[in-house]
Amino acid sequence: LVREQFGQPIANFSLIQSKLAEMAVKTFAAETIAYRTSGALDFAYEEASVKGIEEFAIECSINKVFGSEALSFVVDEGVQIHGGAGFIQDYPMERMYRDARINRIFEGTNEINRLLIPGTLIKRAMKGEVALLPAIAALQQELTGMIDPPDESMFLAVQEHAVTMMRKLILLVGGSAVQKYGTQLEHEQEILAYLADMAIALYTSESLVFRTKKSQQHNHPSSDLQYKMTQLFVHDAYEQVSQWARTALSAMEEGDSLRTILSVVRKLSKVSSLNTVQLKRQVAKRLLETEHYFF
């Protein structure tokens, strides 16, 4: 970041700082879900249960997709920040950029893994291994009432509320898809892909909330920074999940049915305002002060 433009280091420019913050947030998120999933797998292995390990196939697919795409985002922005120097072999960024590309292909392409995430969940639900269908039925009953807003004065309350609403949006879209297509849902790959992206956003957001809450409880020196990064990620994830829900439902419904169900999406998609520009500047400042990834 010692590269200069207009007589000063490019790290002084807020757009570069925004890129650095986004890179750090995605790295933090990928690291967090990897810790959570590997911890669950370790516990299942200690219990000597092969079936227990197999139950985390969905989480492993989530890690594969999110981790590989987060890496691709980070190295792509790294090349952009380096400018022309990032594209030549004299600098390490070029090798990182080339090496990162294969990760979205091998060990099951990201497209295959996206189909596996909702497909596996729905199959388990049909077998009664996961209480998905009762949860969908409970949601339909719940939506007839009011949804209380979060108490924004409480630590992580907004983010926990967002996670809860994301889960409801997934149930809404998944329930609508199962009801409309039944056993033919496996042929509706676009719908499955939207459900997968929503599930990835939910799992990652929930993992960040868990980690940040634990850091705060243990007075971790970086708990405040983790809170800022969790705020940034969950805020964007919630908005994305809401948009994916609208897009998926628009592909399944039309007319009055579509208008009715989109009104439900609006009810579940009330995103709290957040000064993401300021938060990104604060994250970037910490990154530039330490000159390395913080955790």
Protein backbone atom coordinates (compact mmCIF):
# COMPACT_ATOMS: atom_id res chain seq x y z
CA LEU A 1 0.00 0.00 0.00
CA VAL A 2 3.02 2.27 -0.38
CA ARG A 3 2.01 2.76 -4.02
CA GLU A 4 1.40 6.45 -4.64
CA GLN A 5 -0.96 8.39 -6.84
CA PHE A 6 -1.37 12.18 -6.98
CA GLY A 7 1.58 12.61 -4.62
CA GLN A 8 0.31 10.48 -1.70
CA PRO A 9 -0.05 6.82 -0.70
CA ILE A 10 -3.19 5.27 -2.18
CA ALA A 11 -4.06 4.01 1.34
CA ASN A 12 -5.06 7.59 2.12
CA PHE A 13 -7.96 7.42 -0.35
CA SER A 14 -11.29 6.43 1.15
CA LEU A 15 -12.27 4.23 -1.81
CA ILE A 16 -9.14 2.12 -1.28
CA GLN A 17 -9.92 1.99 2.44
CA SER A 18 -13.42 0.77 1.60
CA LYS A 19 -11.95 -2.04 -0.49
CA LEU A 20 -9.59 -3.03 2.32
CA ALA A 21 -12.46 -3.11 4.82
CA GLU A 22 -14.61 -5.28 2.55
CA MET A 23 -11.68 -7.66 2.03
CA ALA A 24 -11.15 -7.90 5.79
CA VAL A 25 -14.85 -8.48 6.50
CA LYS A 26 -15.08 -11.33 3.98
CA THR A 27 -11.89 -12.88 5.39
CA PHE A 28 -13.27 -12.62 8.92
CA ALA A 29 -16.55 -14.22 7.81
CA ALA A 30 -14.82 -17.09 5.97
CA GLU A 31 -12.56 -17.72 8.95
CA THR A 32 -15.52 -17.72 11.33
CA ILE A 33 -17.61 -20.31 9.48
CA ALA A 34 -14.52 -22.48 9.04
CA TYR A 35 -13.91 -22.40 12.81
CA ARG A 36 -17.55 -23.16 13.57
CA THR A 37 -17.81 -26.07 11.12
CA SER A 38 -14.45 -27.61 11.95
CA GLY A 39 -15.32 -27.43 15.65
CA ALA A 40 -18.60 -29.24 15.02
CA LEU A 41 -16.81 -31.87 12.95
CA ASP A 42 -14.18 -32.38 15.65
CA PHE A 43 -16.91 -32.93 18.21
CA ALA A 44 -18.70 -35.41 15.96
CA TYR A 45 -15.41 -37.26 15.36
CA GLU A 46 -14.73 -37.46 19.09
CA GLU A 47 -18.15 -39.05 19.49
CA ALA A 48 -16.98 -41.71 16.99
CA SER A 49 -20.04 -41.20 14.88
CA VAL A 50 -19.57 -41.35 11.12
CA LYS A 51 -23.24 -40.49 10.67
CA GLY A 52 -22.69 -37.45 12.88
CA ILE A 53 -19.92 -36.27 10.59
CA GLU A 54 -22.05 -36.86 7.49
CA GLU A 55 -24.72 -34.59 8.93
CA PHE A 56 -22.45 -31.60 8.27
CA ALA A 57 -22.41 -32.03 4.49
CA ILE A 58 -24.47 -28.86 4.05
CA GLU A 59 -22.14 -26.81 6.25
CA CYS A 60 -19.13 -28.11 4.32
CA SER A 61 -20.71 -27.08 1.02
CA ILE A 62 -21.41 -23.65 2.50
CA ASN A 63 -17.77 -23.32 3.52
CA LYS A 64 -16.57 -24.41 0.10
CA VAL A 65 -18.74 -21.94 -1.78
CA PHE A 66 -18.34 -18.96 0.52
CA GLY A 67 -14.63 -19.51 1.19
CA SER A 68 -13.66 -19.89 -2.45
CA GLU A 69 -15.71 -16.88 -3.55
CA ALA A 70 -14.44 -14.75 -0.68
CA LEU A 71 -10.88 -15.63 -1.72
CA SER A 72 -11.65 -14.74 -5.34
CA PHE A 73 -13.07 -11.39 -4.22
CA VAL A 74 -10.07 -10.59 -2.02
CA VAL A 75 -7.40 -11.43 -4.62
CA ASP A 76 -9.32 -9.61 -7.35
CA GLU A 77 -9.45 -6.47 -5.22
CA GLY A 78 -5.79 -7.02 -4.38
CA VAL A 79 -4.90 -6.91 -8.08
CA GLN A 80 -7.02 -3.78 -8.50
CA ILE A 81 -5.29 -2.03 -5.62
CA HIS A 82 -1.84 -2.94 -7.02
CA GLY A 83 -2.82 -1.54 -10.41
CA GLY A 84 -0.72 -2.72 -13.35
CA ALA A 85 1.85 -4.17 -10.97
CA GLY A 86 -0.75 -6.64 -9.74
CA PHE A 87 -0.92 -8.22 -13.18
CA ILE A 88 2.75 -9.05 -13.71
CA GLN A 89 4.74 -11.97 -12.32
CA ASP A 90 7.24 -9.78 -10.47
CA TYR A 91 4.65 -9.29 -7.72
CA PRO A 92 2.95 -12.01 -5.61
CA MET A 93 -0.56 -10.73 -6.33
CA GLU A 94 -0.50 -12.15 -9.84
CA ARG A 95 0.21 -15.69 -8.58
CA MET A 96 -2.46 -15.41 -5.89
CA TYR A 97 -4.99 -14.32 -8.51
CA ARG A 98 -4.24 -17.30 -10.76
CA ASP A 99 -4.12 -19.82 -7.91
CA ALA A 100 -7.44 -18.69 -6.46
CA ARG A 101 -9.45 -19.37 -9.60
CA ILE A 102 -9.36 -23.17 -9.40
CA ASN A 103 -11.02 -23.23 -5.97
CA ARG A 104 -14.45 -22.53 -7.45
CA ILE A 105 -14.06 -25.58 -9.72
CA PHE A 106 -12.42 -28.50 -7.97
CA GLU A 107 -13.82 -30.47 -5.00
CA GLY A 108 -17.24 -30.04 -6.61
CA THR A 109 -17.95 -26.87 -8.57
CA ASN A 110 -19.68 -24.10 -6.70
CA GLU A 111 -22.73 -24.64 -8.91
CA ILE A 112 -22.96 -28.29 -7.79
CA ASN A 113 -22.48 -27.33 -4.15
CA ARG A 114 -25.20 -24.70 -4.45
CA LEU A 115 -27.62 -27.38 -5.64
CA LEU A 116 -26.54 -29.72 -2.84
CA ILE A 117 -27.25 -27.25 -0.03
CA PRO A 118 -31.05 -26.91 -0.41
CA GLY A 119 -31.39 -30.29 -2.11
CA THR A 120 -29.88 -32.15 0.84
CA LEU A 121 -31.94 -30.16 3.34
CA ILE A 122 -35.22 -30.84 1.53
CA LYS A 123 -34.45 -34.56 1.19
CA ARG A 124 -33.77 -34.77 4.93
CA ALA A 125 -37.02 -32.93 5.61
CA MET A 126 -38.97 -35.37 3.46
CA LYS A 127 -37.46 -38.25 5.47
CA GLY A 128 -38.40 -36.57 8.73
CA GLU A 129 -34.75 -36.08 9.74
CA VAL A 130 -35.11 -32.29 9.82
CA ALA A 131 -38.21 -30.51 11.12
CA LEU A 132 -38.39 -28.22 8.10
CA LEU A 133 -42.03 -28.75 7.14
CA PRO A 134 -43.34 -28.09 10.69
CA ALA A 135 -41.21 -24.92 10.76
CA ILE A 136 -42.79 -23.76 7.50
CA ALA A 137 -46.27 -24.42 8.89
CA ALA A 138 -45.41 -22.54 12.10
CA LEU A 139 -44.16 -19.58 10.07
CA GLN A 140 -47.42 -19.34 8.14
CA GLN A 141 -49.29 -19.11 11.44
CA GLU A 142 -46.79 -16.63 12.89
CA LEU A 143 -47.04 -14.24 9.95
CA THR A 144 -50.63 -13.46 10.81
CA GLY A 145 -49.40 -11.47 13.82
CA MET A 146 -47.07 -8.54 14.40
CA ILE A 147 -43.28 -8.76 14.25
CA ASP A 148 -41.65 -6.86 17.10
CA PRO A 149 -38.67 -4.70 16.10
CA PRO A 150 -35.33 -5.28 17.86
CA ASP A 151 -34.24 -3.24 20.86
CA GLU A 152 -31.42 -1.34 19.18
CA SER A 153 -29.92 -0.38 22.55
CA MET A 154 -29.00 -4.02 23.22
CA PHE A 155 -25.67 -5.45 22.03
CA LEU A 156 -26.13 -7.43 18.78
CA ALA A 157 -29.94 -7.20 19.02
CA VAL A 158 -30.25 -5.79 15.50
CA GLN A 159 -28.01 -8.50 14.08
CA GLU A 160 -29.82 -11.29 15.94
CA HIS A 161 -33.13 -9.94 14.65
CA ALA A 162 -31.73 -9.90 11.10
CA VAL A 163 -30.64 -13.54 11.45
CA THR A 164 -34.14 -14.48 12.64
CA MET A 165 -35.74 -12.66 9.72
CA MET A 166 -33.36 -14.27 7.23
CA ARG A 167 -34.36 -17.68 8.56
CA LYS A 168 -38.04 -16.80 8.08
CA LEU A 169 -37.41 -15.59 4.53
CA ILE A 170 -35.71 -18.88 3.68
CA LEU A 171 -38.63 -20.82 5.13
CA LEU A 172 -41.03 -18.64 3.12
CA VAL A 173 -39.21 -19.21 -0.18
CA GLY A 174 -38.48 -22.88 0.53
CA GLY A 175 -42.06 -23.56 1.58
CA SER A 176 -43.42 -21.86 -1.52
CA ALA A 177 -41.03 -23.83 -3.73
CA VAL A 178 -41.91 -27.19 -2.17
CA GLN A 179 -45.62 -26.42 -2.40
CA LYS A 180 -45.42 -25.37 -6.05
CA TYR A 181 -42.97 -27.90 -7.48
CA GLY A 182 -43.01 -30.84 -5.08
CA THR A 183 -40.64 -33.59 -6.22
CA GLN A 184 -39.90 -31.62 -9.40
CA LEU A 185 -38.12 -28.91 -7.44
CA GLU A 186 -34.76 -30.50 -8.26
CA HIS A 187 -35.27 -29.32 -11.86
CA GLU A 188 -35.72 -25.68 -10.80
CA GLN A 189 -32.02 -24.99 -10.42
CA GLU A 190 -32.30 -21.22 -10.30
CA ILE A 191 -34.66 -21.42 -7.32
CA LEU A 192 -32.32 -23.89 -5.60
CA ALA A 193 -29.38 -21.56 -6.21
CA TYR A 194 -31.23 -18.62 -4.61
CA LEU A 195 -32.10 -20.81 -1.62
CA ALA A 196 -28.45 -21.83 -1.36
CA ASP A 197 -27.22 -18.24 -1.39
CA MET A 198 -29.78 -17.35 1.26
CA ALA A 199 -28.66 -20.31 3.40
CA ILE A 200 -25.00 -19.30 3.02
CA ALA A 201 -25.79 -15.74 4.11
CA LEU A 202 -27.80 -17.02 7.08
CA TYR A 203 -25.19 -19.51 8.30
CA THR A 204 -22.38 -16.98 7.96
CA SER A 205 -24.33 -14.18 9.67
CA GLU A 206 -25.36 -16.45 12.54
CA SER A 207 -21.77 -17.66 12.96
CA LEU A 208 -20.49 -14.08 13.15
CA VAL A 209 -23.09 -13.20 15.78
CA PHE A 210 -22.10 -16.24 17.87
CA ARG A 211 -18.39 -15.42 17.62
CA THR A 212 -18.79 -11.73 18.37
CA LYS A 213 -21.04 -12.40 21.34
CA LYS A 214 -18.50 -14.83 22.79
CA SER A 215 -15.66 -12.34 22.22
CA GLN A 216 -17.59 -9.65 24.05
CA GLN A 217 -18.39 -11.98 26.96
CA HIS A 218 -14.69 -12.86 27.32
CA ASN A 219 -13.53 -9.23 26.90
CA HIS A 220 -11.49 -10.10 23.83
CA PRO A 221 -9.27 -7.11 22.90
CA SER A 222 -10.71 -7.10 19.38
CA SER A 223 -14.36 -7.54 20.35
CA ASP A 224 -15.25 -3.98 19.32
CA LEU A 225 -13.65 -4.48 15.91
CA GLN A 226 -15.43 -7.83 15.52
CA TYR A 227 -18.70 -6.08 16.33
CA LYS A 228 -18.13 -3.51 13.58
CA MET A 229 -17.32 -6.21 11.04
CA THR A 230 -20.33 -8.28 12.07
CA GLN A 231 -22.54 -5.22 11.69
CA LEU A 232 -21.24 -4.67 8.17
CA PHE A 233 -21.62 -8.26 7.04
CA VAL A 234 -25.05 -8.93 8.54
CA HIS A 235 -26.46 -5.63 7.25
CA ASP A 236 -25.45 -6.43 3.67
CA ALA A 237 -26.45 -10.11 3.99
CA TYR A 238 -29.93 -9.20 5.20
CA GLU A 239 -30.47 -6.87 2.25
CA GLN A 240 -29.21 -9.52 -0.18
CA VAL A 241 -31.40 -12.26 1.29
CA SER A 242 -34.44 -10.00 1.02
CA GLN A 243 -33.67 -9.31 -2.64
CA TRP A 244 -33.03 -13.00 -3.42
CA ALA A 245 -36.37 -13.85 -1.78
CA ARG A 246 -38.19 -11.33 -3.97
CA THR A 247 -36.47 -12.60 -7.11
CA ALA A 248 -37.13 -16.27 -6.36
CA LEU A 249 -40.78 -15.68 -5.46
CA SER A 250 -41.30 -13.58 -8.58
CA ALA A 251 -40.17 -16.60 -10.60
CA MET A 252 -42.75 -18.82 -8.89
CA GLU A 253 -45.83 -16.64 -8.48
CA GLU A 254 -47.72 -13.98 -10.42
CA GLY A 255 -50.70 -11.68 -10.12
CA ASP A 256 -52.46 -11.37 -6.76
CA SER A 257 -50.58 -14.34 -5.31
CA LEU A 258 -47.26 -12.63 -6.02
CA ARG A 259 -48.42 -9.29 -4.60
CA THR A 260 -49.61 -11.00 -1.43
CA ILE A 261 -46.44 -12.95 -0.81
CA LEU A 262 -44.21 -9.95 -1.61
CA SER A 263 -46.09 -8.00 1.06
CA VAL A 264 -44.96 -10.72 3.49
CA VAL A 265 -41.37 -10.31 2.28
CA ARG A 266 -41.58 -6.58 2.99
CA LYS A 267 -42.82 -7.39 6.48
CA LEU A 268 -39.75 -9.57 7.05
CA SER A 269 -37.26 -7.22 5.38
CA LYS A 270 -37.20 -4.07 7.48
CA VAL A 271 -33.46 -3.43 7.52
CA SER A 272 -32.21 -0.97 10.16
CA SER A 273 -30.18 1.98 8.89
CA LEU A 274 -26.43 1.73 9.28
CA ASN A 275 -23.57 4.10 8.47
CA THR A 276 -21.54 1.54 6.53
CA VAL A 277 -19.21 4.20 5.13
CA GLN A 278 -18.03 5.22 8.60
CA LEU A 279 -17.74 1.63 9.80
CA LYS A 280 -15.61 0.65 6.81
CA ARG A 281 -13.30 3.59 7.45
CA GLN A 282 -12.86 2.47 11.06
CA VAL A 283 -12.09 -1.12 10.03
CA ALA A 284 -9.63 0.08 7.38
CA LYS A 285 -7.91 2.36 9.89
CA ARG A 286 -7.26 -0.60 12.19
CA LEU A 287 -5.97 -2.64 9.26
CA LEU A 288 -3.57 0.10 8.16
CA GLU A 289 -2.35 0.63 11.73
CA THR A 290 -1.50 -3.05 12.24
CA GLU A 291 -0.35 -3.59 8.61
CA HIS A 292 -1.76 -7.13 8.65
CA TYR A 293 -4.98 -9.06 9.18
CA PHE A 294 -5.93 -8.59 12.82
CA PHE A 295 -7.08 -11.97 14.18
